[in-house]
Amino acid sequence: MSRLQTVLAGRAWCLDYGIARALLVRLDDGGLVVVSPPSGMREPGWAEVDALGEVRWLVAPNHFHTGGLAAWVGRYPSAQVVAEPAAHARLRRVVRGLRVDGMQAVRDALPGWMALVTVPYATQGELMVVLEGAPRVWFVVDVIVYERALRGLRGALFRLLGFRTALQRNPIFWRLFAGDRAKAAAWWRAQIEAAPPDAFYPSHGQAIPHGAAEALAALFVDSDPLRRA
């Protein structure tokens, strides 16, 4: 059974792996951008990816999402790895010998309907993806999560850290990696107001394929989001 979920018909797909989700986007010329390259790939999965197009860009969306990067670099050695500058040092420590470039290289290759957006005030080098289409899609990595289940030891630990089975701001990000919480929350409010997303796909948890803007806006009504995280 395919693990690919269509996000935009003929253009973008999500791939769930364990407790996370990757995004694959096919550019107008057939090249693929892979955001948060997933771990645990097997031959049937690689074959599905190859059927979508040529993997040209591997985007590390922050300095934590590294689990599958080495395998993808090994599988597609000609693909260019890109990340925000704040993520480069840890990426190179985790994947020895890795060449990682800044985001401008891939941004110059993107069509007008796709944007890789730098998330300000994120000290670990965070990105989100915006896809303009029907629907308008946001793919968000570690700022906002929507846990589906919190079971066992992992679930108990996550609950202690403030996670819930609900759409929420990631309490770890907002405590440790939001350089200025009030300004970061204001930035997210501005993004939602300027171009409300129809569909929301978090890297962690449940997607909202329709009517996402209202639910997302409700997360940022406070000047300090940590009060509600």
C-alpha atoms as a PDB file:
ATOM      1  CA  MET A   1       0.000   0.000   0.000  1.00  0.00           C
ATOM      2  CA  SER A   2       1.278   3.452  -0.887  1.00  0.00           C
ATOM      3  CA  ARG A   3       2.329   5.725   1.957  1.00  0.00           C
ATOM      4  CA  LEU A   4       1.948   8.786  -0.272  1.00  0.00           C
ATOM      5  CA  GLN A   5      -0.950  11.146   0.385  1.00  0.00           C
ATOM      6  CA  THR A   6      -1.870  13.679  -2.280  1.00  0.00           C
ATOM      7  CA  VAL A   7      -1.686  17.281  -1.104  1.00  0.00           C
ATOM      8  CA  LEU A   8      -2.012  19.045  -4.467  1.00  0.00           C
ATOM      9  CA  ALA A   9      -3.025  16.882  -7.416  1.00  0.00           C
ATOM     10  CA  GLY A  10      -0.034  16.157  -9.643  1.00  0.00           C
ATOM     11  CA  ARG A  11       2.174  18.550  -7.659  1.00  0.00           C
ATOM     12  CA  ALA A  12       2.656  17.629  -4.012  1.00  0.00           C
ATOM     13  CA  TRP A  13       2.445  14.624  -1.727  1.00  0.00           C
ATOM     14  CA  CYS A  14       3.018  13.887   1.949  1.00  0.00           C
ATOM     15  CA  LEU A  15       4.781  10.764   3.130  1.00  0.00           C
ATOM     16  CA  ASP A  16       4.196   9.659   6.725  1.00  0.00           C
ATOM     17  CA  TYR A  17       7.019   7.885   8.535  1.00  0.00           C
ATOM     18  CA  GLY A  18       6.725   6.895  12.159  1.00  0.00           C
ATOM     19  CA  ILE A  19       5.958  10.012  14.185  1.00  0.00           C
ATOM     20  CA  ALA A  20       6.699  12.496  11.402  1.00  0.00           C
ATOM     21  CA  ARG A  21       5.698  13.516   7.885  1.00  0.00           C
ATOM     22  CA  ALA A  22       7.722  14.563   4.836  1.00  0.00           C
ATOM     23  CA  LEU A  23       6.618  16.696   1.881  1.00  0.00           C
ATOM     24  CA  LEU A  24       7.484  15.942  -1.750  1.00  0.00           C
ATOM     25  CA  VAL A  25       6.838  18.630  -4.354  1.00  0.00           C
ATOM     26  CA  ARG A  26       7.175  18.176  -8.129  1.00  0.00           C
ATOM     27  CA  LEU A  27       8.345  21.330  -9.864  1.00  0.00           C
ATOM     28  CA  ASP A  28       7.116  22.406 -13.278  1.00  0.00           C
ATOM     29  CA  ASP A  29      10.125  20.777 -14.984  1.00  0.00           C
ATOM     30  CA  GLY A  30       9.604  17.447 -13.201  1.00  0.00           C
ATOM     31  CA  GLY A  31      12.289  17.820 -10.554  1.00  0.00           C
ATOM     32  CA  LEU A  32      11.444  16.918  -6.958  1.00  0.00           C
ATOM     33  CA  VAL A  33      11.964  18.930  -3.786  1.00  0.00           C
ATOM     34  CA  VAL A  34      11.924  16.711  -0.686  1.00  0.00           C
ATOM     35  CA  VAL A  35      11.313  18.572   2.569  1.00  0.00           C
ATOM     36  CA  SER A  36      12.401  16.690   5.706  1.00  0.00           C
ATOM     37  CA  PRO A  37      13.720  13.545   3.960  1.00  0.00           C
ATOM     38  CA  PRO A  38      12.137  10.622   5.806  1.00  0.00           C
ATOM     39  CA  SER A  39      13.865   7.742   7.528  1.00  0.00           C
ATOM     40  CA  GLY A  40      12.926   4.098   7.244  1.00  0.00           C
ATOM     41  CA  MET A  41      12.647   3.981   3.452  1.00  0.00           C
ATOM     42  CA  ARG A  42      12.449   0.602   1.690  1.00  0.00           C
ATOM     43  CA  GLU A  43      12.668  -0.292  -2.005  1.00  0.00           C
ATOM     44  CA  PRO A  44       8.909   0.018  -2.705  1.00  0.00           C
ATOM     45  CA  GLY A  45       9.004   3.494  -1.190  1.00  0.00           C
ATOM     46  CA  TRP A  46      12.064   4.522  -3.163  1.00  0.00           C
ATOM     47  CA  ALA A  47      10.350   3.272  -6.315  1.00  0.00           C
ATOM     48  CA  GLU A  48       7.321   5.454  -5.596  1.00  0.00           C
ATOM     49  CA  VAL A  49       9.573   8.476  -5.163  1.00  0.00           C
ATOM     50  CA  ASP A  50      11.446   7.735  -8.384  1.00  0.00           C
ATOM     51  CA  ALA A  51       8.132   7.502 -10.239  1.00  0.00           C
ATOM     52  CA  LEU A  52       7.278  11.060  -9.187  1.00  0.00           C
ATOM     53  CA  GLY A  53      10.378  12.658 -10.701  1.00  0.00           C
ATOM     54  CA  GLU A  54      14.089  13.322 -10.297  1.00  0.00           C
ATOM     55  CA  VAL A  55      15.101  14.155  -6.725  1.00  0.00           C
ATOM     56  CA  ARG A  56      17.058  17.408  -7.062  1.00  0.00           C
ATOM     57  CA  TRP A  57      16.688  19.110  -3.688  1.00  0.00           C
ATOM     58  CA  LEU A  58      16.804  17.767  -0.149  1.00  0.00           C
ATOM     59  CA  VAL A  59      15.570  20.392   2.301  1.00  0.00           C
ATOM     60  CA  ALA A  60      16.448  20.036   5.976  1.00  0.00           C
ATOM     61  CA  PRO A  61      13.662  22.138   7.555  1.00  0.00           C
ATOM     62  CA  ASN A  62      15.591  22.702  10.809  1.00  0.00           C
ATOM     63  CA  HIS A  63      18.591  21.180  12.556  1.00  0.00           C
ATOM     64  CA  PHE A  64      16.588  18.358  14.189  1.00  0.00           C
ATOM     65  CA  HIS A  65      14.995  16.651  11.170  1.00  0.00           C
ATOM     66  CA  THR A  66      18.066  14.673  10.155  1.00  0.00           C
ATOM     67  CA  GLY A  67      17.071  11.024  10.605  1.00  0.00           C
ATOM     68  CA  GLY A  68      16.714  10.200   6.922  1.00  0.00           C
ATOM     69  CA  LEU A  69      19.159  12.677   5.439  1.00  0.00           C
ATOM     70  CA  ALA A  70      22.183  10.370   5.126  1.00  0.00           C
ATOM     71  CA  ALA A  71      20.147   7.667   3.365  1.00  0.00           C
ATOM     72  CA  TRP A  72      18.691  10.167   0.896  1.00  0.00           C
ATOM     73  CA  VAL A  73      22.093  11.684   0.156  1.00  0.00           C
ATOM     74  CA  GLY A  74      23.418   8.187  -0.460  1.00  0.00           C
ATOM     75  CA  ARG A  75      20.495   7.310  -2.732  1.00  0.00           C
ATOM     76  CA  TYR A  76      20.562  10.612  -4.654  1.00  0.00           C
ATOM     77  CA  PRO A  77      24.172  11.883  -4.554  1.00  0.00           C
ATOM     78  CA  SER A  78      23.514  14.552  -7.178  1.00  0.00           C
ATOM     79  CA  ALA A  79      20.711  16.137  -5.132  1.00  0.00           C
ATOM     80  CA  GLN A  80      21.602  19.417  -3.435  1.00  0.00           C
ATOM     81  CA  VAL A  81      21.078  19.668   0.339  1.00  0.00           C
ATOM     82  CA  VAL A  82      19.845  23.041   1.598  1.00  0.00           C
ATOM     83  CA  ALA A  83      18.900  24.473   4.982  1.00  0.00           C
ATOM     84  CA  GLU A  84      18.739  27.705   6.903  1.00  0.00           C
ATOM     85  CA  PRO A  85      22.221  28.859   8.048  1.00  0.00           C
ATOM     86  CA  ALA A  86      21.340  28.300  11.719  1.00  0.00           C
ATOM     87  CA  ALA A  87      20.917  24.585  10.980  1.00  0.00           C
ATOM     88  CA  HIS A  88      24.159  24.000   9.072  1.00  0.00           C
ATOM     89  CA  ALA A  89      26.536  23.266  11.957  1.00  0.00           C
ATOM     90  CA  ARG A  90      24.453  20.494  13.493  1.00  0.00           C
ATOM     91  CA  LEU A  91      23.584  18.991  10.117  1.00  0.00           C
ATOM     92  CA  ARG A  92      27.289  18.641   9.327  1.00  0.00           C
ATOM     93  CA  ARG A  93      27.930  17.031  12.706  1.00  0.00           C
ATOM     94  CA  VAL A  94      25.125  14.513  12.235  1.00  0.00           C
ATOM     95  CA  VAL A  95      25.959  13.632   8.606  1.00  0.00           C
ATOM     96  CA  ARG A  96      29.730  13.502   8.241  1.00  0.00           C
ATOM     97  CA  GLY A  97      31.081  15.038   5.066  1.00  0.00           C
ATOM     98  CA  LEU A  98      27.733  16.610   4.201  1.00  0.00           C
ATOM     99  CA  ARG A  99      27.711  19.559   1.850  1.00  0.00           C
ATOM    100  CA  VAL A 100      24.829  21.836   2.775  1.00  0.00           C
ATOM    101  CA  ASP A 101      24.012  25.114   1.052  1.00  0.00           C
ATOM    102  CA  GLY A 102      21.807  28.077   1.884  1.00  0.00           C
ATOM    103  CA  MET A 103      18.210  28.397   0.823  1.00  0.00           C
ATOM    104  CA  GLN A 104      18.701  30.824  -2.046  1.00  0.00           C
ATOM    105  CA  ALA A 105      19.967  28.050  -4.299  1.00  0.00           C
ATOM    106  CA  VAL A 106      16.648  26.208  -4.210  1.00  0.00           C
ATOM    107  CA  ARG A 107      14.501  29.350  -4.039  1.00  0.00           C
ATOM    108  CA  ASP A 108      15.873  30.444  -7.406  1.00  0.00           C
ATOM    109  CA  ALA A 109      14.547  27.180  -8.895  1.00  0.00           C
ATOM    110  CA  LEU A 110      11.035  27.330  -7.427  1.00  0.00           C
ATOM    111  CA  PRO A 111       7.895  28.145  -9.418  1.00  0.00           C
ATOM    112  CA  GLY A 112       5.672  31.007  -8.334  1.00  0.00           C
ATOM    113  CA  TRP A 113       3.204  28.663  -6.660  1.00  0.00           C
ATOM    114  CA  MET A 114       5.728  27.328  -4.108  1.00  0.00           C
ATOM    115  CA  ALA A 115       7.585  29.186  -1.348  1.00  0.00           C
ATOM    116  CA  LEU A 116      10.071  28.027   1.266  1.00  0.00           C
ATOM    117  CA  VAL A 117       9.538  30.568   4.012  1.00  0.00           C
ATOM    118  CA  THR A 118      12.110  31.377   6.679  1.00  0.00           C
ATOM    119  CA  VAL A 119      10.466  31.336  10.105  1.00  0.00           C
ATOM    120  CA  PRO A 120      11.877  34.316  12.040  1.00  0.00           C
ATOM    121  CA  TYR A 121      12.872  34.102  15.715  1.00  0.00           C
ATOM    122  CA  ALA A 122      13.507  30.350  15.324  1.00  0.00           C
ATOM    123  CA  THR A 123      16.981  29.651  16.638  1.00  0.00           C
ATOM    124  CA  GLN A 124      17.231  26.128  15.184  1.00  0.00           C
ATOM    125  CA  GLY A 125      16.739  27.278  11.568  1.00  0.00           C
ATOM    126  CA  GLU A 126      13.051  26.623  10.893  1.00  0.00           C
ATOM    127  CA  LEU A 127      11.258  26.626   7.533  1.00  0.00           C
ATOM    128  CA  MET A 128       7.672  26.278   6.424  1.00  0.00           C
ATOM    129  CA  VAL A 129       6.340  25.520   2.950  1.00  0.00           C
ATOM    130  CA  VAL A 130       3.500  27.409   1.272  1.00  0.00           C
ATOM    131  CA  LEU A 131       1.863  25.941  -1.843  1.00  0.00           C
ATOM    132  CA  GLU A 132      -0.510  28.168  -3.760  1.00  0.00           C
ATOM    133  CA  GLY A 133      -3.301  26.208  -5.373  1.00  0.00           C
ATOM    134  CA  ALA A 134      -6.695  24.775  -4.675  1.00  0.00           C
ATOM    135  CA  PRO A 135      -6.311  24.433  -1.744  1.00  0.00           C
ATOM    136  CA  ARG A 136      -3.624  26.803  -0.455  1.00  0.00           C
ATOM    137  CA  VAL A 137      -1.398  24.521   1.643  1.00  0.00           C
ATOM    138  CA  TRP A 138       0.883  25.100   4.599  1.00  0.00           C
ATOM    139  CA  PHE A 139       3.449  22.494   5.629  1.00  0.00           C
ATOM    140  CA  VAL A 140       4.818  23.346   9.086  1.00  0.00           C
ATOM    141  CA  VAL A 141       7.538  21.407  10.862  1.00  0.00           C
ATOM    142  CA  ASP A 142       8.140  21.994  14.579  1.00  0.00           C
ATOM    143  CA  VAL A 143       6.275  25.209  15.460  1.00  0.00           C
ATOM    144  CA  ILE A 144       2.743  23.759  15.396  1.00  0.00           C
ATOM    145  CA  VAL A 145       1.801  20.127  16.019  1.00  0.00           C
ATOM    146  CA  TYR A 146      -1.395  18.073  16.094  1.00  0.00           C
ATOM    147  CA  GLU A 147      -0.671  14.869  17.985  1.00  0.00           C
ATOM    148  CA  ARG A 148      -3.057  12.041  17.173  1.00  0.00           C
ATOM    149  CA  ALA A 149      -2.209   9.779  20.116  1.00  0.00           C
ATOM    150  CA  LEU A 150      -0.043   9.984  23.216  1.00  0.00           C
ATOM    151  CA  ARG A 151       0.302   6.416  24.430  1.00  0.00           C
ATOM    152  CA  GLY A 152       2.751   4.479  26.525  1.00  0.00           C
ATOM    153  CA  LEU A 153       5.985   5.852  27.940  1.00  0.00           C
ATOM    154  CA  ARG A 154       6.444   8.312  25.065  1.00  0.00           C
ATOM    155  CA  GLY A 155       2.917   9.606  25.541  1.00  0.00           C
ATOM    156  CA  ALA A 156       3.373  10.052  29.277  1.00  0.00           C
ATOM    157  CA  LEU A 157       6.616  11.945  28.744  1.00  0.00           C
ATOM    158  CA  PHE A 158       5.091  14.171  26.084  1.00  0.00           C
ATOM    159  CA  ARG A 159       2.144  14.993  28.338  1.00  0.00           C
ATOM    160  CA  LEU A 160       4.551  16.053  31.070  1.00  0.00           C
ATOM    161  CA  LEU A 161       6.196  18.357  28.532  1.00  0.00           C
ATOM    162  CA  GLY A 162       2.839  19.945  27.714  1.00  0.00           C
ATOM    163  CA  PHE A 163       1.744  18.054  24.606  1.00  0.00           C
ATOM    164  CA  ARG A 164      -1.927  17.223  24.103  1.00  0.00           C
ATOM    165  CA  THR A 165      -3.942  15.341  21.478  1.00  0.00           C
ATOM    166  CA  ALA A 166      -5.018  18.622  19.906  1.00  0.00           C
ATOM    167  CA  LEU A 167      -3.828  21.269  17.511  1.00  0.00           C
ATOM    168  CA  GLN A 168      -1.325  23.286  19.534  1.00  0.00           C
ATOM    169  CA  ARG A 169       1.885  25.242  19.490  1.00  0.00           C
ATOM    170  CA  ASN A 170       4.774  22.851  20.099  1.00  0.00           C
ATOM    171  CA  PRO A 171       5.641  23.547  23.757  1.00  0.00           C
ATOM    172  CA  ILE A 172       9.281  22.532  23.278  1.00  0.00           C
ATOM    173  CA  PHE A 173       9.782  24.909  20.365  1.00  0.00           C
ATOM    174  CA  TRP A 174       8.101  27.836  22.107  1.00  0.00           C
ATOM    175  CA  ARG A 175      10.062  27.325  25.332  1.00  0.00           C
ATOM    176  CA  LEU A 176      13.501  26.609  23.889  1.00  0.00           C
ATOM    177  CA  PHE A 177      13.780  27.773  20.288  1.00  0.00           C
ATOM    178  CA  ALA A 178      11.546  30.817  19.865  1.00  0.00           C
ATOM    179  CA  GLY A 179      14.003  33.662  20.304  1.00  0.00           C
ATOM    180  CA  ASP A 180      11.246  36.216  20.970  1.00  0.00           C
ATOM    181  CA  ARG A 181       7.899  34.548  21.666  1.00  0.00           C
ATOM    182  CA  ALA A 182       5.735  37.651  21.388  1.00  0.00           C
ATOM    183  CA  LYS A 183       7.270  38.724  18.067  1.00  0.00           C
ATOM    184  CA  ALA A 184       7.161  35.165  16.752  1.00  0.00           C
ATOM    185  CA  ALA A 185       3.452  34.878  17.603  1.00  0.00           C
ATOM    186  CA  ALA A 186       2.760  38.226  15.937  1.00  0.00           C
ATOM    187  CA  TRP A 187       4.540  37.006  12.809  1.00  0.00           C
ATOM    188  CA  TRP A 188       2.370  33.882  12.657  1.00  0.00           C
ATOM    189  CA  ARG A 189      -0.790  35.937  13.140  1.00  0.00           C
ATOM    190  CA  ALA A 190       0.278  38.168  10.257  1.00  0.00           C
ATOM    191  CA  GLN A 191       0.885  35.180   7.965  1.00  0.00           C
ATOM    192  CA  ILE A 192      -2.544  33.737   8.709  1.00  0.00           C
ATOM    193  CA  GLU A 193      -4.287  37.074   8.178  1.00  0.00           C
ATOM    194  CA  ALA A 194      -2.417  37.927   4.952  1.00  0.00           C
ATOM    195  CA  ALA A 195      -2.921  34.605   3.153  1.00  0.00           C
ATOM    196  CA  PRO A 196      -5.091  32.188   5.168  1.00  0.00           C
ATOM    197  CA  PRO A 197      -4.250  28.547   4.468  1.00  0.00           C
ATOM    198  CA  ASP A 198      -7.020  26.195   3.414  1.00  0.00           C
ATOM    199  CA  ALA A 199      -5.094  23.023   4.256  1.00  0.00           C
ATOM    200  CA  PHE A 200      -2.559  22.435   7.007  1.00  0.00           C
ATOM    201  CA  TYR A 201      -0.065  19.573   7.086  1.00  0.00           C
ATOM    202  CA  PRO A 202       2.140  19.474  10.179  1.00  0.00           C
ATOM    203  CA  SER A 203       5.266  17.381  10.192  1.00  0.00           C
ATOM    204  CA  HIS A 204       3.993  15.916  13.465  1.00  0.00           C
ATOM    205  CA  GLY A 205       0.425  14.742  13.770  1.00  0.00           C
ATOM    206  CA  GLN A 206      -2.953  15.042  12.140  1.00  0.00           C
ATOM    207  CA  ALA A 207      -3.524  17.079   8.984  1.00  0.00           C
ATOM    208  CA  ILE A 208      -6.361  19.562   8.484  1.00  0.00           C
ATOM    209  CA  PRO A 209      -7.181  19.266   4.759  1.00  0.00           C
ATOM    210  CA  HIS A 210     -10.006  21.840   4.829  1.00  0.00           C
ATOM    211  CA  GLY A 211     -10.780  24.987   6.834  1.00  0.00           C
ATOM    212  CA  ALA A 212      -7.418  25.255   8.572  1.00  0.00           C
ATOM    213  CA  ALA A 213      -7.161  29.047   8.898  1.00  0.00           C
ATOM    214  CA  GLU A 214      -9.674  29.499  11.720  1.00  0.00           C
ATOM    215  CA  ALA A 215      -8.134  26.743  13.827  1.00  0.00           C
ATOM    216  CA  LEU A 216      -4.619  28.111  13.301  1.00  0.00           C
ATOM    217  CA  ALA A 217      -5.652  31.687  14.056  1.00  0.00           C
ATOM    218  CA  ALA A 218      -7.050  30.577  17.415  1.00  0.00           C
ATOM    219  CA  LEU A 219      -3.562  29.453  18.461  1.00  0.00           C
ATOM    220  CA  PHE A 220      -2.107  32.951  18.278  1.00  0.00           C
ATOM    221  CA  VAL A 221      -4.615  35.207  20.024  1.00  0.00           C
ATOM    222  CA  ASP A 222      -2.229  35.765  22.982  1.00  0.00           C
ATOM    223  CA  SER A 223       0.798  38.039  22.819  1.00  0.00           C
ATOM    224  CA  ASP A 224       2.817  35.341  24.623  1.00  0.00           C
ATOM    225  CA  PRO A 225       1.860  31.975  23.121  1.00  0.00           C
ATOM    226  CA  LEU A 226       3.580  30.068  25.903  1.00  0.00           C
ATOM    227  CA  ARG A 227       0.673  30.964  28.186  1.00  0.00           C
ATOM    228  CA  ARG A 228      -1.583  28.729  26.078  1.00  0.00           C
ATOM    229  CA  ALA A 229       0.939  26.171  24.813  1.00  0.00           C
END
